[in-house]
């Protein structure tokens, strides 16, 4: 469903969630810190999801999966 960069970003978000909690991964400014800067600029990262709406949807789905587990 997602390309390599998008999957890597989701994995990194999952790690951040484990460290910082869900509030911080919801904010797009998280894309401006390590390890996300290694994936490109925030705009490039969001484009890898197909746009801001799809990025936000992916983060929301990740959160829902975490709550179901």
C-alpha atoms as a PDB file:
ATOM      1  CA  UNK A   1       0.000   0.000   0.000  1.00  0.00           C
ATOM      2  CA  UNK A   2       2.813   2.422   0.882  1.00  0.00           C
ATOM      3  CA  UNK A   3       6.205   2.877  -0.714  1.00  0.00           C
ATOM      4  CA  UNK A   4       9.492   2.213   1.041  1.00  0.00           C
ATOM      5  CA  UNK A   5       9.893   5.759   2.377  1.00  0.00           C
ATOM      6  CA  UNK A   6       6.336   5.908   3.710  1.00  0.00           C
ATOM      7  CA  UNK A   7       6.710   2.522   5.425  1.00  0.00           C
ATOM      8  CA  UNK A   8       9.988   3.628   6.997  1.00  0.00           C
ATOM      9  CA  UNK A   9       8.322   6.797   8.272  1.00  0.00           C
ATOM     10  CA  UNK A  10       5.468   4.767   9.784  1.00  0.00           C
ATOM     11  CA  UNK A  11       7.964   2.464  11.496  1.00  0.00           C
ATOM     12  CA  UNK A  12       9.800   5.489  12.900  1.00  0.00           C
ATOM     13  CA  UNK A  13       6.481   6.957  14.079  1.00  0.00           C
ATOM     14  CA  UNK A  14       5.752   3.706  15.853  1.00  0.00           C
ATOM     15  CA  UNK A  15       9.097   3.937  17.641  1.00  0.00           C
ATOM     16  CA  UNK A  16       8.391   7.565  18.568  1.00  0.00           C
ATOM     17  CA  UNK A  17       4.997   6.520  19.905  1.00  0.00           C
ATOM     18  CA  UNK A  18       6.689   3.959  22.141  1.00  0.00           C
ATOM     19  CA  UNK A  19       8.996   6.703  23.455  1.00  0.00           C
ATOM     20  CA  UNK A  20       6.763   9.790  23.556  1.00  0.00           C
ATOM     21  CA  UNK A  21       3.106   8.779  23.278  1.00  0.00           C
ATOM     22  CA  UNK A  22       0.462   9.399  20.660  1.00  0.00           C
ATOM     23  CA  UNK A  23       0.176  13.178  21.038  1.00  0.00           C
ATOM     24  CA  UNK A  24       3.583  13.839  19.544  1.00  0.00           C
ATOM     25  CA  UNK A  25       3.235  11.629  16.475  1.00  0.00           C
ATOM     26  CA  UNK A  26       0.049  13.393  15.411  1.00  0.00           C
ATOM     27  CA  UNK A  27       1.858  16.684  14.863  1.00  0.00           C
ATOM     28  CA  UNK A  28       3.526  17.088  11.470  1.00  0.00           C
ATOM     29  CA  UNK A  29       6.366  19.046  13.063  1.00  0.00           C
ATOM     30  CA  UNK A  30       7.701  15.686  14.249  1.00  0.00           C
ATOM     31  CA  UNK A  31       8.916  15.308  10.656  1.00  0.00           C
ATOM     32  CA  UNK A  32      11.525  18.016  11.332  1.00  0.00           C
ATOM     33  CA  UNK A  33      13.512  15.967  13.882  1.00  0.00           C
ATOM     34  CA  UNK A  34      15.629  12.829  13.755  1.00  0.00           C
ATOM     35  CA  UNK A  35      15.122  10.204  12.444  1.00  0.00           C
ATOM     36  CA  UNK A  36      12.604  11.796  10.065  1.00  0.00           C
ATOM     37  CA  UNK A  37      15.065  14.296   8.622  1.00  0.00           C
ATOM     38  CA  UNK A  38      16.871  11.298   7.151  1.00  0.00           C
ATOM     39  CA  UNK A  39      13.806  10.531   5.032  1.00  0.00           C
ATOM     40  CA  UNK A  40      13.708  13.981   3.406  1.00  0.00           C
ATOM     41  CA  UNK A  41      11.988  17.273   4.068  1.00  0.00           C
ATOM     42  CA  UNK A  42       8.527  17.241   5.653  1.00  0.00           C
ATOM     43  CA  UNK A  43       7.034  18.082   2.254  1.00  0.00           C
ATOM     44  CA  UNK A  44       8.870  15.179   0.608  1.00  0.00           C
ATOM     45  CA  UNK A  45       7.773  12.815   3.350  1.00  0.00           C
ATOM     46  CA  UNK A  46       4.149  13.896   3.083  1.00  0.00           C
ATOM     47  CA  UNK A  47       4.298  13.532  -0.709  1.00  0.00           C
ATOM     48  CA  UNK A  48       5.469   9.935  -0.272  1.00  0.00           C
ATOM     49  CA  UNK A  49       2.058   9.258   1.279  1.00  0.00           C
ATOM     50  CA  UNK A  50       0.221  10.987  -1.552  1.00  0.00           C
ATOM     51  CA  UNK A  51      -0.400  14.280   0.215  1.00  0.00           C
ATOM     52  CA  UNK A  52      -1.208  15.698   3.640  1.00  0.00           C
ATOM     53  CA  UNK A  53      -4.650  14.127   3.901  1.00  0.00           C
ATOM     54  CA  UNK A  54      -3.291  10.662   3.152  1.00  0.00           C
ATOM     55  CA  UNK A  55      -0.392  11.175   5.556  1.00  0.00           C
ATOM     56  CA  UNK A  56      -2.815  12.140   8.315  1.00  0.00           C
ATOM     57  CA  UNK A  57      -4.992   9.158   7.451  1.00  0.00           C
ATOM     58  CA  UNK A  58      -1.991   6.812   7.702  1.00  0.00           C
ATOM     59  CA  UNK A  59      -1.071   8.228  11.118  1.00  0.00           C
ATOM     60  CA  UNK A  60      -4.679   7.863  12.245  1.00  0.00           C
ATOM     61  CA  UNK A  61      -4.764   4.240  11.066  1.00  0.00           C
ATOM     62  CA  UNK A  62      -1.501   3.581  12.901  1.00  0.00           C
ATOM     63  CA  UNK A  63      -2.999   4.992  16.104  1.00  0.00           C
ATOM     64  CA  UNK A  64      -6.150   2.914  15.685  1.00  0.00           C
ATOM     65  CA  UNK A  65      -4.072  -0.225  15.235  1.00  0.00           C
ATOM     66  CA  UNK A  66      -2.155   0.604  18.408  1.00  0.00           C
ATOM     67  CA  UNK A  67      -5.363   1.028  20.394  1.00  0.00           C
ATOM     68  CA  UNK A  68      -6.755  -2.288  19.106  1.00  0.00           C
ATOM     69  CA  UNK A  69      -3.636  -4.194  20.128  1.00  0.00           C
END
